[in-house]
Amino acid sequence: MMNSIRAVLVRELEAFAREIDLYPDDTLLWETVPGILNSSGVLGLHVAGNLQHFIGSVLGNTGYVRDRAAEFARRSGTRAEVIAELTRARQVVISVLGRLPDDSLTQTFPERKANQDISTALMLLHLATHLAFHLGQAGYLRRALTGDSTSAGGLSSASLVTIAAPKP
């Protein structure tokens, strides 16, 4: 099961990086439309920070220190910077979840959520759906801003099978 969760997270992070790369320039990455507060740049930084904190720091003891306020305050930067953060998050997911045994899924997640203990499995599923939610927002926002309906291929089952394949 851990391999499956890792595969979904990796697939979505790779799609998020492609989504950011589909923006025609760095400036538009930080734009929104009326009624939308967070740009695709902000969403990318947010999911990268979220995963580096909860998977990297909490589960993997990587020492990553998250600055959540800075993720949401950012209003400029390059596509390459956001993609680099998504890539770092991808590397953390692969490394940390690659060394955790399946039985860790039934253990209590080391950090309480909403003042409650939850299982590691539930937390990882939450992180995967949270990532997918924001990926969808970023894709929809890019299409609205640019008029370009090109897909970043976020729901590719073929890539999921490739990512989840056991490594020799």
Protein backbone atom coordinates (compact mmCIF):
# COMPACT_ATOMS: atom_id res chain seq x y z
CA MET A 1 0.00 0.00 0.00
CA MET A 2 2.85 2.41 0.79
CA ASN A 3 4.18 1.94 -2.75
CA SER A 4 0.74 2.80 -4.14
CA ILE A 5 0.39 5.97 -2.09
CA ARG A 6 3.92 6.99 -3.05
CA ALA A 7 3.11 6.39 -6.74
CA VAL A 8 0.04 8.64 -6.61
CA LEU A 9 1.94 11.43 -4.86
CA VAL A 10 4.82 11.23 -7.33
CA ARG A 11 2.45 11.24 -10.32
CA GLU A 12 0.64 14.33 -9.04
CA LEU A 13 3.87 16.18 -8.23
CA GLU A 14 5.22 15.47 -11.70
CA ALA A 15 1.95 16.68 -13.23
CA PHE A 16 2.06 19.82 -11.07
CA ALA A 17 5.55 20.60 -12.37
CA ARG A 18 4.31 20.12 -15.96
CA GLU A 19 1.33 22.36 -15.18
CA ILE A 20 3.62 25.14 -13.97
CA ASP A 21 5.82 24.67 -17.04
CA LEU A 22 2.78 25.15 -19.31
CA TYR A 23 2.48 28.77 -18.20
CA PRO A 24 3.71 30.98 -21.05
CA ASP A 25 5.74 33.25 -18.73
CA ASP A 26 6.74 33.76 -15.11
CA THR A 27 4.49 36.77 -14.51
CA LEU A 28 1.23 35.00 -15.39
CA LEU A 29 2.06 32.22 -12.92
CA TRP A 30 1.27 34.66 -10.09
CA GLU A 31 -1.98 36.01 -11.54
CA THR A 32 -5.51 34.97 -10.59
CA VAL A 33 -9.03 35.67 -11.77
CA PRO A 34 -11.76 37.46 -9.79
CA GLY A 35 -12.90 35.36 -6.84
CA ILE A 36 -9.70 33.27 -6.72
CA LEU A 37 -7.19 34.15 -3.99
CA ASN A 38 -4.25 31.85 -4.73
CA SER A 39 -2.23 31.81 -7.92
CA SER A 40 -0.80 28.61 -9.38
CA GLY A 41 2.62 29.72 -8.14
CA VAL A 42 1.30 29.98 -4.58
CA LEU A 43 -0.47 26.61 -4.87
CA GLY A 44 2.71 24.94 -6.13
CA LEU A 45 4.78 26.34 -3.27
CA HIS A 46 2.06 25.40 -0.80
CA VAL A 47 1.84 21.73 -1.79
CA ALA A 48 5.63 21.44 -1.96
CA GLY A 49 5.99 22.90 1.53
CA ASN A 50 3.14 20.78 2.84
CA LEU A 51 4.70 17.52 1.65
CA GLN A 52 8.22 18.46 2.67
CA HIS A 53 6.88 19.18 6.15
CA PHE A 54 4.49 16.28 6.76
CA ILE A 55 6.35 13.55 4.87
CA GLY A 56 9.88 14.92 5.02
CA SER A 57 10.15 16.48 8.44
CA VAL A 58 7.45 14.64 10.42
CA LEU A 59 7.84 11.12 8.99
CA GLY A 60 11.38 11.26 7.66
CA ASN A 61 13.13 13.55 10.15
CA THR A 62 14.69 15.54 7.29
CA GLY A 63 14.97 18.73 9.31
CA TYR A 64 12.89 20.71 6.81
CA VAL A 65 11.46 23.85 8.43
CA ARG A 66 8.28 25.05 6.83
CA ASP A 67 7.29 28.69 6.42
CA ARG A 68 3.60 28.31 5.53
CA ALA A 69 2.95 32.06 5.70
CA ALA A 70 5.69 32.69 3.12
CA GLU A 71 4.13 30.09 0.78
CA PHE A 72 0.91 32.11 0.69
CA ALA A 73 2.56 35.55 0.71
CA ARG A 74 4.69 35.02 -2.39
CA ARG A 75 3.60 37.07 -5.40
CA SER A 76 6.50 36.68 -7.83
CA GLY A 77 9.26 34.37 -8.91
CA THR A 78 10.09 32.07 -11.76
CA ARG A 79 8.47 28.89 -12.98
CA ALA A 80 11.86 27.24 -12.46
CA GLU A 81 11.81 28.15 -8.75
CA VAL A 82 8.37 26.64 -8.22
CA ILE A 83 9.27 23.54 -10.22
CA ALA A 84 12.44 23.17 -8.12
CA GLU A 85 10.33 23.12 -4.93
CA LEU A 86 7.96 20.56 -6.44
CA THR A 87 10.98 18.46 -7.44
CA ARG A 88 12.38 18.65 -3.90
CA ALA A 89 9.01 17.51 -2.56
CA ARG A 90 8.99 14.63 -5.09
CA GLN A 91 12.46 13.54 -3.95
CA VAL A 92 11.34 13.61 -0.31
CA VAL A 93 8.24 11.53 -1.10
CA ILE A 94 10.31 8.94 -2.96
CA SER A 95 13.02 8.78 -0.30
CA VAL A 96 10.93 8.80 2.86
CA LEU A 97 7.99 6.68 1.71
CA GLY A 98 10.41 4.33 -0.04
CA ARG A 99 11.95 3.33 3.26
CA LEU A 100 8.79 3.13 5.42
CA PRO A 101 7.29 -0.33 5.77
CA ASP A 102 3.61 -0.94 5.06
CA ASP A 103 2.95 -1.64 8.75
CA SER A 104 3.77 2.00 9.53
CA LEU A 105 0.46 2.87 7.84
CA THR A 106 -1.46 1.50 10.83
CA GLN A 107 0.59 3.50 13.32
CA THR A 108 -0.52 6.86 14.65
CA PHE A 109 0.79 9.77 12.59
CA PRO A 110 3.42 11.57 14.73
CA GLU A 111 1.64 14.95 14.52
CA ARG A 112 -1.96 15.41 15.65
CA LYS A 113 -4.49 16.88 13.23
CA ALA A 114 -7.34 19.03 14.56
CA ASN A 115 -6.34 17.91 18.05
CA GLN A 116 -6.94 14.28 17.11
CA ASP A 117 -4.73 11.26 16.58
CA ILE A 118 -5.04 9.79 13.08
CA SER A 119 -3.36 6.90 11.36
CA THR A 120 -0.42 7.45 9.04
CA ALA A 121 -2.49 5.87 6.25
CA LEU A 122 -5.27 8.42 6.70
CA MET A 123 -2.79 11.29 6.79
CA LEU A 124 -1.05 10.12 3.61
CA LEU A 125 -4.40 9.74 1.84
CA HIS A 126 -5.30 13.24 2.99
CA LEU A 127 -2.00 14.57 1.62
CA ALA A 128 -2.60 12.85 -1.74
CA THR A 129 -6.13 14.26 -2.12
CA HIS A 130 -4.96 17.69 -0.94
CA LEU A 131 -2.25 17.65 -3.62
CA ALA A 132 -4.68 16.49 -6.31
CA PHE A 133 -7.19 19.19 -5.32
CA HIS A 134 -4.64 21.97 -5.69
CA LEU A 135 -3.29 20.49 -8.94
CA GLY A 136 -6.81 20.68 -10.35
CA GLN A 137 -7.14 24.28 -9.20
CA ALA A 138 -3.82 25.21 -10.81
CA GLY A 139 -4.80 23.58 -14.10
CA TYR A 140 -8.19 25.24 -14.19
CA LEU A 141 -6.68 28.62 -13.33
CA ARG A 142 -4.02 28.32 -16.05
CA ARG A 143 -6.68 27.48 -18.64
CA ALA A 144 -8.81 30.43 -17.50
CA LEU A 145 -5.87 32.85 -17.64
CA THR A 146 -4.39 31.68 -20.93
CA GLY A 147 -7.26 30.15 -22.89
CA ASP A 148 -4.95 27.17 -23.52
CA SER A 149 -6.69 23.84 -22.90
CA THR A 150 -3.48 21.76 -23.05
CA SER A 151 -3.49 19.05 -20.41
CA ALA A 152 -0.59 18.44 -18.04
CA GLY A 153 -1.62 14.77 -17.94
CA GLY A 154 -2.36 14.59 -14.24
CA LEU A 155 -4.55 11.51 -14.34
CA SER A 156 -2.41 9.24 -16.47
CA SER A 157 -2.89 5.66 -15.33
CA ALA A 158 0.04 4.64 -17.56
CA SER A 159 2.42 6.85 -15.57
CA LEU A 160 0.99 5.48 -12.34
CA VAL A 161 1.85 1.93 -13.38
CA THR A 162 5.37 2.99 -14.40
CA ILE A 163 6.00 4.84 -11.14
CA ALA A 164 4.64 2.00 -8.98
CA ALA A 165 6.59 -0.74 -10.75
CA PRO A 166 9.02 -2.47 -8.40
CA LYS A 167 12.62 -1.34 -8.90
CA PRO A 168 15.33 -4.00 -9.38
